[in-house]
PDB file of N, CA and C in Angstrom:
ATOM      1  N   MET A   1      -9.700 -17.181  17.001  1.00  0.00           N
ATOM      2  CA  MET A   1      -9.279 -15.911  17.554  1.00  0.00           C
ATOM      3  C   MET A   1      -8.118 -16.166  18.521  1.00  0.00           C
ATOM      4  N   ILE A   2      -7.214 -15.228  18.579  1.00  0.00           N
ATOM      5  CA  ILE A   2      -6.046 -15.333  19.442  1.00  0.00           C
ATOM      6  C   ILE A   2      -6.492 -15.197  20.899  1.00  0.00           C
ATOM      7  N   SER A   3      -5.880 -16.006  21.762  1.00  0.00           N
ATOM      8  CA  SER A   3      -6.256 -15.960  23.176  1.00  0.00           C
ATOM      9  C   SER A   3      -5.725 -14.699  23.848  1.00  0.00           C
ATOM     10  N   LYS A   4      -6.360 -14.377  24.960  1.00  0.00           N
ATOM     11  CA  LYS A   4      -5.960 -13.188  25.724  1.00  0.00           C
ATOM     12  C   LYS A   4      -4.557 -13.374  26.301  1.00  0.00           C
ATOM     13  N   GLU A   5      -4.190 -14.621  26.607  1.00  0.00           N
ATOM     14  CA  GLU A   5      -2.855 -14.903  27.140  1.00  0.00           C
ATOM     15  C   GLU A   5      -1.778 -14.582  26.104  1.00  0.00           C
ATOM     16  N   LYS A   6      -2.046 -14.931  24.855  1.00  0.00           N
ATOM     17  CA  LYS A   6      -1.070 -14.630  23.798  1.00  0.00           C
ATOM     18  C   LYS A   6      -0.946 -13.119  23.582  1.00  0.00           C
ATOM     19  N   ILE A   7      -2.061 -12.426  23.623  1.00  0.00           N
ATOM     20  CA  ILE A   7      -2.029 -10.960  23.488  1.00  0.00           C
ATOM     21  C   ILE A   7      -1.251 -10.359  24.644  1.00  0.00           C
ATOM     22  N   SER A   8      -1.463 -10.896  25.843  1.00  0.00           N
ATOM     23  CA  SER A   8      -0.753 -10.416  27.025  1.00  0.00           C
ATOM     24  C   SER A   8       0.748 -10.647  26.873  1.00  0.00           C
ATOM     25  N   HIS A   9       1.112 -11.797  26.344  1.00  0.00           N
ATOM     26  CA  HIS A   9       2.531 -12.123  26.125  1.00  0.00           C
ATOM     27  C   HIS A   9       3.156 -11.177  25.097  1.00  0.00           C
ATOM     28  N   ILE A  10       2.446 -10.938  24.012  1.00  0.00           N
ATOM     29  CA  ILE A  10       2.938 -10.021  22.971  1.00  0.00           C
ATOM     30  C   ILE A  10       3.073  -8.613  23.534  1.00  0.00           C
ATOM     31  N   ALA A  11       2.095  -8.191  24.310  1.00  0.00           N
ATOM     32  CA  ALA A  11       2.142  -6.862  24.915  1.00  0.00           C
ATOM     33  C   ALA A  11       3.319  -6.742  25.875  1.00  0.00           C
ATOM     34  N   LYS A  12       3.591  -7.813  26.612  1.00  0.00           N
ATOM     35  CA  LYS A  12       4.732  -7.804  27.534  1.00  0.00           C
ATOM     36  C   LYS A  12       6.039  -7.697  26.760  1.00  0.00           C
ATOM     37  N   LEU A  13       6.166  -8.445  25.668  1.00  0.00           N
ATOM     38  CA  LEU A  13       7.379  -8.391  24.852  1.00  0.00           C
ATOM     39  C   LEU A  13       7.588  -7.004  24.248  1.00  0.00           C
ATOM     40  N   ALA A  14       6.487  -6.370  23.858  1.00  0.00           N
ATOM     41  CA  ALA A  14       6.552  -5.039  23.255  1.00  0.00           C
ATOM     42  C   ALA A  14       6.541  -3.933  24.307  1.00  0.00           C
ATOM     43  N   ARG A  15       6.456  -4.347  25.567  1.00  0.00           N
ATOM     44  CA  ARG A  15       6.416  -3.392  26.685  1.00  0.00           C
ATOM     45  C   ARG A  15       5.258  -2.402  26.538  1.00  0.00           C
ATOM     46  N   LEU A  16       4.086  -2.976  26.278  1.00  0.00           N
ATOM     47  CA  LEU A  16       2.876  -2.177  26.135  1.00  0.00           C
ATOM     48  C   LEU A  16       1.959  -2.425  27.319  1.00  0.00           C
ATOM     49  N   GLU A  17       1.310  -1.390  27.763  1.00  0.00           N
ATOM     50  CA  GLU A  17       0.261  -1.522  28.770  1.00  0.00           C
ATOM     51  C   GLU A  17      -1.067  -1.323  28.055  1.00  0.00           C
ATOM     52  N   LEU A  18      -1.866  -2.374  28.021  1.00  0.00           N
ATOM     53  CA  LEU A  18      -3.122  -2.321  27.282  1.00  0.00           C
ATOM     54  C   LEU A  18      -4.307  -2.317  28.230  1.00  0.00           C
ATOM     55  N   SER A  19      -5.307  -1.549  27.859  1.00  0.00           N
ATOM     56  CA  SER A  19      -6.562  -1.571  28.606  1.00  0.00           C
ATOM     57  C   SER A  19      -7.391  -2.747  28.111  1.00  0.00           C
ATOM     58  N   GLU A  20      -8.501  -2.999  28.786  1.00  0.00           N
ATOM     59  CA  GLU A  20      -9.362  -4.118  28.387  1.00  0.00           C
ATOM     60  C   GLU A  20      -9.893  -3.931  26.960  1.00  0.00           C
ATOM     61  N   ALA A  21     -10.266  -2.712  26.618  1.00  0.00           N
ATOM     62  CA  ALA A  21     -10.762  -2.439  25.264  1.00  0.00           C
ATOM     63  C   ALA A  21      -9.658  -2.656  24.227  1.00  0.00           C
ATOM     64  N   GLU A  22      -8.440  -2.285  24.596  1.00  0.00           N
ATOM     65  CA  GLU A  22      -7.319  -2.462  23.667  1.00  0.00           C
ATOM     66  C   GLU A  22      -6.988  -3.938  23.478  1.00  0.00           C
ATOM     67  N   TYR A  23      -7.157  -4.754  24.544  1.00  0.00           N
ATOM     68  CA  TYR A  23      -6.952  -6.200  24.407  1.00  0.00           C
ATOM     69  C   TYR A  23      -7.907  -6.772  23.363  1.00  0.00           C
ATOM     70  N   GLU A  24      -9.174  -6.396  23.459  1.00  0.00           N
ATOM     71  CA  GLU A  24     -10.176  -6.908  22.511  1.00  0.00           C
ATOM     72  C   GLU A  24      -9.865  -6.453  21.089  1.00  0.00           C
ATOM     73  N   LYS A  25      -9.472  -5.200  20.942  1.00  0.00           N
ATOM     74  CA  LYS A  25      -9.135  -4.675  19.612  1.00  0.00           C
ATOM     75  C   LYS A  25      -7.929  -5.405  19.045  1.00  0.00           C
ATOM     76  N   MET A  26      -6.917  -5.648  19.896  1.00  0.00           N
ATOM     77  CA  MET A  26      -5.719  -6.360  19.445  1.00  0.00           C
ATOM     78  C   MET A  26      -6.059  -7.788  19.033  1.00  0.00           C
ATOM     79  N   GLN A  27      -6.958  -8.422  19.789  1.00  0.00           N
ATOM     80  CA  GLN A  27      -7.367  -9.779  19.447  1.00  0.00           C
ATOM     81  C   GLN A  27      -7.978  -9.815  18.055  1.00  0.00           C
ATOM     82  N   LYS A  28      -8.881  -8.886  17.780  1.00  0.00           N
ATOM     83  CA  LYS A  28      -9.532  -8.841  16.472  1.00  0.00           C
ATOM     84  C   LYS A  28      -8.537  -8.525  15.366  1.00  0.00           C
ATOM     85  N   ASP A  29      -7.689  -7.505  15.599  1.00  0.00           N
ATOM     86  CA  ASP A  29      -6.738  -7.079  14.571  1.00  0.00           C
ATOM     87  C   ASP A  29      -5.719  -8.169  14.251  1.00  0.00           C
ATOM     88  N   LEU A  30      -5.115  -8.754  15.286  1.00  0.00           N
ATOM     89  CA  LEU A  30      -4.099  -9.787  15.047  1.00  0.00           C
ATOM     90  C   LEU A  30      -4.711 -11.046  14.440  1.00  0.00           C
ATOM     91  N   SER A  31      -5.929 -11.379  14.855  1.00  0.00           N
ATOM     92  CA  SER A  31      -6.604 -12.534  14.253  1.00  0.00           C
ATOM     93  C   SER A  31      -6.854 -12.288  12.776  1.00  0.00           C
ATOM     94  N   GLY A  32      -7.270 -11.084  12.424  1.00  0.00           N
ATOM     95  CA  GLY A  32      -7.489 -10.748  11.020  1.00  0.00           C
ATOM     96  C   GLY A  32      -6.209 -10.824  10.205  1.00  0.00           C
ATOM     97  N   ILE A  33      -5.123 -10.341  10.784  1.00  0.00           N
ATOM     98  CA  ILE A  33      -3.834 -10.386  10.088  1.00  0.00           C
ATOM     99  C   ILE A  33      -3.395 -11.829   9.870  1.00  0.00           C
ATOM    100  N   LEU A  34      -3.507 -12.658  10.911  1.00  0.00           N
ATOM    101  CA  LEU A  34      -3.098 -14.066  10.782  1.00  0.00           C
ATOM    102  C   LEU A  34      -3.996 -14.819   9.812  1.00  0.00           C
ATOM    103  N   ASP A  35      -5.284 -14.514   9.792  1.00  0.00           N
ATOM    104  CA  ASP A  35      -6.196 -15.135   8.828  1.00  0.00           C
ATOM    105  C   ASP A  35      -5.796 -14.778   7.403  1.00  0.00           C
ATOM    106  N   TYR A  36      -5.372 -13.537   7.216  1.00  0.00           N
ATOM    107  CA  TYR A  36      -4.945 -13.108   5.880  1.00  0.00           C
ATOM    108  C   TYR A  36      -3.675 -13.859   5.458  1.00  0.00           C
ATOM    109  N   PHE A  37      -2.753 -14.086   6.393  1.00  0.00           N
ATOM    110  CA  PHE A  37      -1.551 -14.853   6.065  1.00  0.00           C
ATOM    111  C   PHE A  37      -1.905 -16.295   5.713  1.00  0.00           C
ATOM    112  N   LYS A  38      -2.879 -16.873   6.402  1.00  0.00           N
ATOM    113  CA  LYS A  38      -3.325 -18.230   6.065  1.00  0.00           C
ATOM    114  C   LYS A  38      -3.873 -18.265   4.646  1.00  0.00           C
ATOM    115  N   LEU A  39      -4.613 -17.228   4.275  1.00  0.00           N
ATOM    116  CA  LEU A  39      -5.155 -17.132   2.931  1.00  0.00           C
ATOM    117  C   LEU A  39      -4.026 -17.042   1.904  1.00  0.00           C
ATOM    118  N   LEU A  40      -3.006 -16.267   2.222  1.00  0.00           N
ATOM    119  CA  LEU A  40      -1.870 -16.129   1.307  1.00  0.00           C
ATOM    120  C   LEU A  40      -1.102 -17.435   1.162  1.00  0.00           C
ATOM    121  N   LYS A  41      -0.999 -18.201   2.243  1.00  0.00           N
ATOM    122  CA  LYS A  41      -0.295 -19.484   2.185  1.00  0.00           C
ATOM    123  C   LYS A  41      -1.009 -20.465   1.257  1.00  0.00           C
ATOM    124  N   GLN A  42      -2.318 -20.369   1.185  1.00  0.00           N
ATOM    125  CA  GLN A  42      -3.099 -21.292   0.370  1.00  0.00           C
ATOM    126  C   GLN A  42      -2.963 -21.015  -1.123  1.00  0.00           C
ATOM    127  N   GLN A  43      -2.608 -19.817  -1.467  1.00  0.00           N
ATOM    128  CA  GLN A  43      -2.517 -19.446  -2.870  1.00  0.00           C
ATOM    129  C   GLN A  43      -1.303 -20.103  -3.518  1.00  0.00           C
ATOM    130  N   LYS A  44      -1.499 -20.594  -4.714  1.00  0.00           N
ATOM    131  CA  LYS A  44      -0.391 -21.168  -5.461  1.00  0.00           C
ATOM    132  C   LYS A  44       0.207 -20.050  -6.310  1.00  0.00           C
ATOM    133  N   THR A  45       1.456 -19.844  -6.107  1.00  0.00           N
ATOM    134  CA  THR A  45       2.121 -18.782  -6.863  1.00  0.00           C
ATOM    135  C   THR A  45       3.237 -19.373  -7.699  1.00  0.00           C
ATOM    136  N   GLN A  46       3.486 -18.721  -8.782  1.00  0.00           N
ATOM    137  CA  GLN A  46       4.539 -19.166  -9.681  1.00  0.00           C
ATOM    138  C   GLN A  46       5.192 -17.928 -10.270  1.00  0.00           C
ATOM    139  N   VAL A  47       6.499 -17.886 -10.199  1.00  0.00           N
ATOM    140  CA  VAL A  47       7.229 -16.741 -10.725  1.00  0.00           C
ATOM    141  C   VAL A  47       7.718 -17.085 -12.116  1.00  0.00           C
ATOM    142  N   LYS A  48       7.357 -16.246 -13.060  1.00  0.00           N
ATOM    143  CA  LYS A  48       7.812 -16.457 -14.433  1.00  0.00           C
ATOM    144  C   LYS A  48       8.737 -15.316 -14.812  1.00  0.00           C
ATOM    145  N   THR A  49       9.856 -15.677 -15.375  1.00  0.00           N
ATOM    146  CA  THR A  49      10.792 -14.661 -15.844  1.00  0.00           C
ATOM    147  C   THR A  49      10.986 -14.839 -17.338  1.00  0.00           C
ATOM    148  N   GLY A  50      11.457 -13.821 -17.978  1.00  0.00           N
ATOM    149  CA  GLY A  50      11.708 -13.886 -19.406  1.00  0.00           C
ATOM    150  C   GLY A  50      12.982 -14.643 -19.729  1.00  0.00           C
ATOM    151  N   LYS A  51      13.796 -14.885 -18.715  1.00  0.00           N
ATOM    152  CA  LYS A  51      15.077 -15.562 -18.931  1.00  0.00           C
ATOM    153  C   LYS A  51      14.953 -17.034 -18.576  1.00  0.00           C
ATOM    154  N   LYS A  52      15.694 -17.838 -19.288  1.00  0.00           N
ATOM    155  CA  LYS A  52      15.750 -19.258 -18.976  1.00  0.00           C
ATOM    156  C   LYS A  52      17.000 -19.520 -18.156  1.00  0.00           C
ATOM    157  N   ASN A  53      16.936 -20.540 -17.325  1.00  0.00           N
ATOM    158  CA  ASN A  53      18.062 -20.930 -16.477  1.00  0.00           C
ATOM    159  C   ASN A  53      18.553 -19.752 -15.635  1.00  0.00           C
ATOM    160  N   VAL A  54      17.663 -19.142 -14.932  1.00  0.00           N
ATOM    161  CA  VAL A  54      18.023 -17.995 -14.100  1.00  0.00           C
ATOM    162  C   VAL A  54      18.783 -18.504 -12.882  1.00  0.00           C
ATOM    163  N   ASP A  55      19.947 -17.936 -12.644  1.00  0.00           N
ATOM    164  CA  ASP A  55      20.756 -18.288 -11.486  1.00  0.00           C
ATOM    165  C   ASP A  55      20.193 -17.550 -10.277  1.00  0.00           C
ATOM    166  N   THR A  56      19.709 -18.296  -9.293  1.00  0.00           N
ATOM    167  CA  THR A  56      19.078 -17.656  -8.142  1.00  0.00           C
ATOM    168  C   THR A  56      20.037 -17.470  -6.970  1.00  0.00           C
ATOM    169  N   LYS A  57      21.302 -17.815  -7.150  1.00  0.00           N
ATOM    170  CA  LYS A  57      22.272 -17.628  -6.079  1.00  0.00           C
ATOM    171  C   LYS A  57      22.549 -16.147  -5.898  1.00  0.00           C
ATOM    172  N   ASN A  58      23.000 -15.813  -4.699  1.00  0.00           N
ATOM    173  CA  ASN A  58      23.362 -14.426  -4.436  1.00  0.00           C
ATOM    174  C   ASN A  58      24.548 -14.044  -5.311  1.00  0.00           C
ATOM    175  N   ARG A  59      24.439 -12.883  -5.870  1.00  0.00           N
ATOM    176  CA  ARG A  59      25.534 -12.400  -6.699  1.00  0.00           C
ATOM    177  C   ARG A  59      26.192 -11.239  -5.978  1.00  0.00           C
ATOM    178  N   ILE A  60      27.486 -11.274  -5.923  1.00  0.00           N
ATOM    179  CA  ILE A  60      28.226 -10.209  -5.281  1.00  0.00           C
ATOM    180  C   ILE A  60      28.953  -9.444  -6.374  1.00  0.00           C
ATOM    181  N   ARG A  61      28.764  -8.149  -6.348  1.00  0.00           N
ATOM    182  CA  ARG A  61      29.430  -7.354  -7.367  1.00  0.00           C
ATOM    183  C   ARG A  61      30.902  -7.213  -7.019  1.00  0.00           C
ATOM    184  N   LYS A  62      31.708  -6.993  -8.022  1.00  0.00           N
ATOM    185  CA  LYS A  62      33.131  -6.794  -7.804  1.00  0.00           C
ATOM    186  C   LYS A  62      33.347  -5.429  -7.172  1.00  0.00           C
ATOM    187  N   ASP A  63      34.320  -5.360  -6.296  1.00  0.00           N
ATOM    188  CA  ASP A  63      34.654  -4.112  -5.626  1.00  0.00           C
ATOM    189  C   ASP A  63      35.581  -3.333  -6.548  1.00  0.00           C
ATOM    190  N   GLU A  64      35.022  -2.407  -7.256  1.00  0.00           N
ATOM    191  CA  GLU A  64      35.788  -1.629  -8.220  1.00  0.00           C
ATOM    192  C   GLU A  64      35.751  -0.156  -7.843  1.00  0.00           C
ATOM    193  N   VAL A  65      36.865   0.518  -8.079  1.00  0.00           N
ATOM    194  CA  VAL A  65      36.937   1.952  -7.840  1.00  0.00           C
ATOM    195  C   VAL A  65      36.345   2.659  -9.047  1.00  0.00           C
ATOM    196  N   ILE A  66      35.400   3.545  -8.788  1.00  0.00           N
ATOM    197  CA  ILE A  66      34.793   4.322  -9.862  1.00  0.00           C
ATOM    198  C   ILE A  66      35.305   5.745  -9.721  1.00  0.00           C
ATOM    199  N   MET A  67      35.996   6.185 -10.703  1.00  0.00           N
ATOM    200  CA  MET A  67      36.590   7.516 -10.651  1.00  0.00           C
ATOM    201  C   MET A  67      35.496   8.558 -10.873  1.00  0.00           C
ATOM    202  N   LYS A  68      35.447   9.524  -9.961  1.00  0.00           N
ATOM    203  CA  LYS A  68      34.486  10.615 -10.070  1.00  0.00           C
ATOM    204  C   LYS A  68      35.239  11.905 -10.350  1.00  0.00           C
ATOM    205  N   ASN A  69      34.524  12.855 -10.843  1.00  0.00           N
ATOM    206  CA  ASN A  69      35.098  14.143 -11.149  1.00  0.00           C
ATOM    207  C   ASN A  69      35.467  14.851  -9.838  1.00  0.00           C
ATOM    208  N   ALA A  70      36.726  15.256  -9.687  1.00  0.00           N
ATOM    209  CA  ALA A  70      37.188  15.925  -8.465  1.00  0.00           C
ATOM    210  C   ALA A  70      36.508  17.278  -8.289  1.00  0.00           C
ATOM    211  N   GLN A  71      36.039  17.856  -9.359  1.00  0.00           N
ATOM    212  CA  GLN A  71      35.396  19.156  -9.283  1.00  0.00           C
ATOM    213  C   GLN A  71      34.062  19.064  -8.519  1.00  0.00           C
ATOM    214  N   LEU A  72      33.450  17.895  -8.546  1.00  0.00           N
ATOM    215  CA  LEU A  72      32.197  17.695  -7.817  1.00  0.00           C
ATOM    216  C   LEU A  72      32.418  17.917  -6.320  1.00  0.00           C
ATOM    217  N   ALA A  73      33.485  17.354  -5.769  1.00  0.00           N
ATOM    218  CA  ALA A  73      33.788  17.534  -4.348  1.00  0.00           C
ATOM    219  C   ALA A  73      34.079  18.998  -4.051  1.00  0.00           C
ATOM    220  N   ASP A  74      34.780  19.654  -4.930  1.00  0.00           N
ATOM    221  CA  ASP A  74      35.084  21.076  -4.720  1.00  0.00           C
ATOM    222  C   ASP A  74      33.803  21.908  -4.732  1.00  0.00           C
ATOM    223  N   ASN A  75      32.872  21.573  -5.605  1.00  0.00           N
ATOM    224  CA  ASN A  75      31.598  22.297  -5.670  1.00  0.00           C
ATOM    225  C   ASN A  75      30.787  22.104  -4.391  1.00  0.00           C
ATOM    226  N   ILE A  76      30.797  20.890  -3.854  1.00  0.00           N
ATOM    227  CA  ILE A  76      30.070  20.613  -2.618  1.00  0.00           C
ATOM    228  C   ILE A  76      30.709  21.375  -1.460  1.00  0.00           C
ATOM    229  N   LEU A  77      32.034  21.361  -1.398  1.00  0.00           N
ATOM    230  CA  LEU A  77      32.730  22.097  -0.338  1.00  0.00           C
ATOM    231  C   LEU A  77      32.449  23.594  -0.427  1.00  0.00           C
ATOM    232  N   ALA A  78      32.355  24.109  -1.626  1.00  0.00           N
ATOM    233  CA  ALA A  78      32.093  25.533  -1.803  1.00  0.00           C
ATOM    234  C   ALA A  78      30.704  25.913  -1.302  1.00  0.00           C
ATOM    235  N   LEU A  79      29.765  24.994  -1.335  1.00  0.00           N
ATOM    236  CA  LEU A  79      28.397  25.251  -0.891  1.00  0.00           C
ATOM    237  C   LEU A  79      28.225  25.116   0.623  1.00  0.00           C
ATOM    238  N   ALA A  80      29.180  24.474   1.303  1.00  0.00           N
ATOM    239  CA  ALA A  80      29.060  24.253   2.743  1.00  0.00           C
ATOM    240  C   ALA A  80      29.191  25.574   3.495  1.00  0.00           C
ATOM    241  N   PRO A  81      28.349  25.792   4.516  1.00  0.00           N
ATOM    242  CA  PRO A  81      28.425  27.051   5.261  1.00  0.00           C
ATOM    243  C   PRO A  81      29.715  27.173   6.071  1.00  0.00           C
ATOM    244  N   GLU A  82      30.209  26.052   6.621  1.00  0.00           N
ATOM    245  CA  GLU A  82      31.465  26.078   7.355  1.00  0.00           C
ATOM    246  C   GLU A  82      32.308  24.895   6.907  1.00  0.00           C
ATOM    247  N   ARG A  83      33.615  25.129   6.834  1.00  0.00           N
ATOM    248  CA  ARG A  83      34.495  24.026   6.464  1.00  0.00           C
ATOM    249  C   ARG A  83      35.847  24.207   7.139  1.00  0.00           C
ATOM    250  N   LYS A  84      36.538  23.106   7.277  1.00  0.00           N
ATOM    251  CA  LYS A  84      37.875  23.106   7.843  1.00  0.00           C
ATOM    252  C   LYS A  84      38.737  22.285   6.902  1.00  0.00           C
ATOM    253  N   GLU A  85      39.688  22.940   6.292  1.00  0.00           N
ATOM    254  CA  GLU A  85      40.526  22.363   5.240  1.00  0.00           C
ATOM    255  C   GLU A  85      39.622  21.817   4.138  1.00  0.00           C
ATOM    256  N   ARG A  86      39.658  20.509   3.883  1.00  0.00           N
ATOM    257  CA  ARG A  86      38.816  19.936   2.816  1.00  0.00           C
ATOM    258  C   ARG A  86      37.649  19.132   3.393  1.00  0.00           C
ATOM    259  N   TYR A  87      37.217  19.508   4.608  1.00  0.00           N
ATOM    260  CA  TYR A  87      36.110  18.808   5.261  1.00  0.00           C
ATOM    261  C   TYR A  87      34.981  19.788   5.553  1.00  0.00           C
ATOM    262  N   ILE A  88      33.751  19.284   5.533  1.00  0.00           N
ATOM    263  CA  ILE A  88      32.613  20.096   5.895  1.00  0.00           C
ATOM    264  C   ILE A  88      32.489  20.051   7.413  1.00  0.00           C
ATOM    265  N   LYS A  89      32.402  21.185   8.051  1.00  0.00           N
ATOM    266  CA  LYS A  89      32.321  21.275   9.504  1.00  0.00           C
ATOM    267  C   LYS A  89      30.850  21.247   9.916  1.00  0.00           C
ATOM    268  N   VAL A  90      30.520  20.315  10.811  1.00  0.00           N
ATOM    269  CA  VAL A  90      29.155  20.173  11.310  1.00  0.00           C
ATOM    270  C   VAL A  90      29.167  20.160  12.825  1.00  0.00           C
ATOM    271  N   LYS A  91      27.999  20.375  13.425  1.00  0.00           N
ATOM    272  CA  LYS A  91      27.895  20.318  14.879  1.00  0.00           C
ATOM    273  C   LYS A  91      28.039  18.877  15.329  1.00  0.00           C
ATOM    274  N   SER A  92      28.647  18.698  16.503  1.00  0.00           N
ATOM    275  CA  SER A  92      28.770  17.339  17.034  1.00  0.00           C
ATOM    276  C   SER A  92      27.424  16.897  17.569  1.00  0.00           C
ATOM    277  N   ILE A  93      27.140  15.630  17.385  1.00  0.00           N
ATOM    278  CA  ILE A  93      25.868  15.051  17.824  1.00  0.00           C
ATOM    279  C   ILE A  93      26.183  13.931  18.805  1.00  0.00           C
ATOM    280  N   LEU A  94      25.756  14.126  20.014  1.00  0.00           N
ATOM    281  CA  LEU A  94      26.015  13.116  21.044  1.00  0.00           C
ATOM    282  C   LEU A  94      24.743  12.655  21.682  1.00  0.00           C
TER     283      LEU A  94
END
């Protein structure tokens, strides 16, 4: 089970004020979560894919311009309650 000092440290990092009952509940809950992770670590897993020689490196897509129908933008602008020139006018959010 996780010590009360570790729970206190976690609570401090999360800026939580815990009561004594909440400390005990957190101890049980976090211990259960960590026990479950230990169980998952013990499991042997193997990923099988239908493809052979799968390249696992990150793939970056090419930056390509995709032409869209200009009428789509006009339809969206027509639906806007307020607009200024070719822009949709919205309230400022600060």
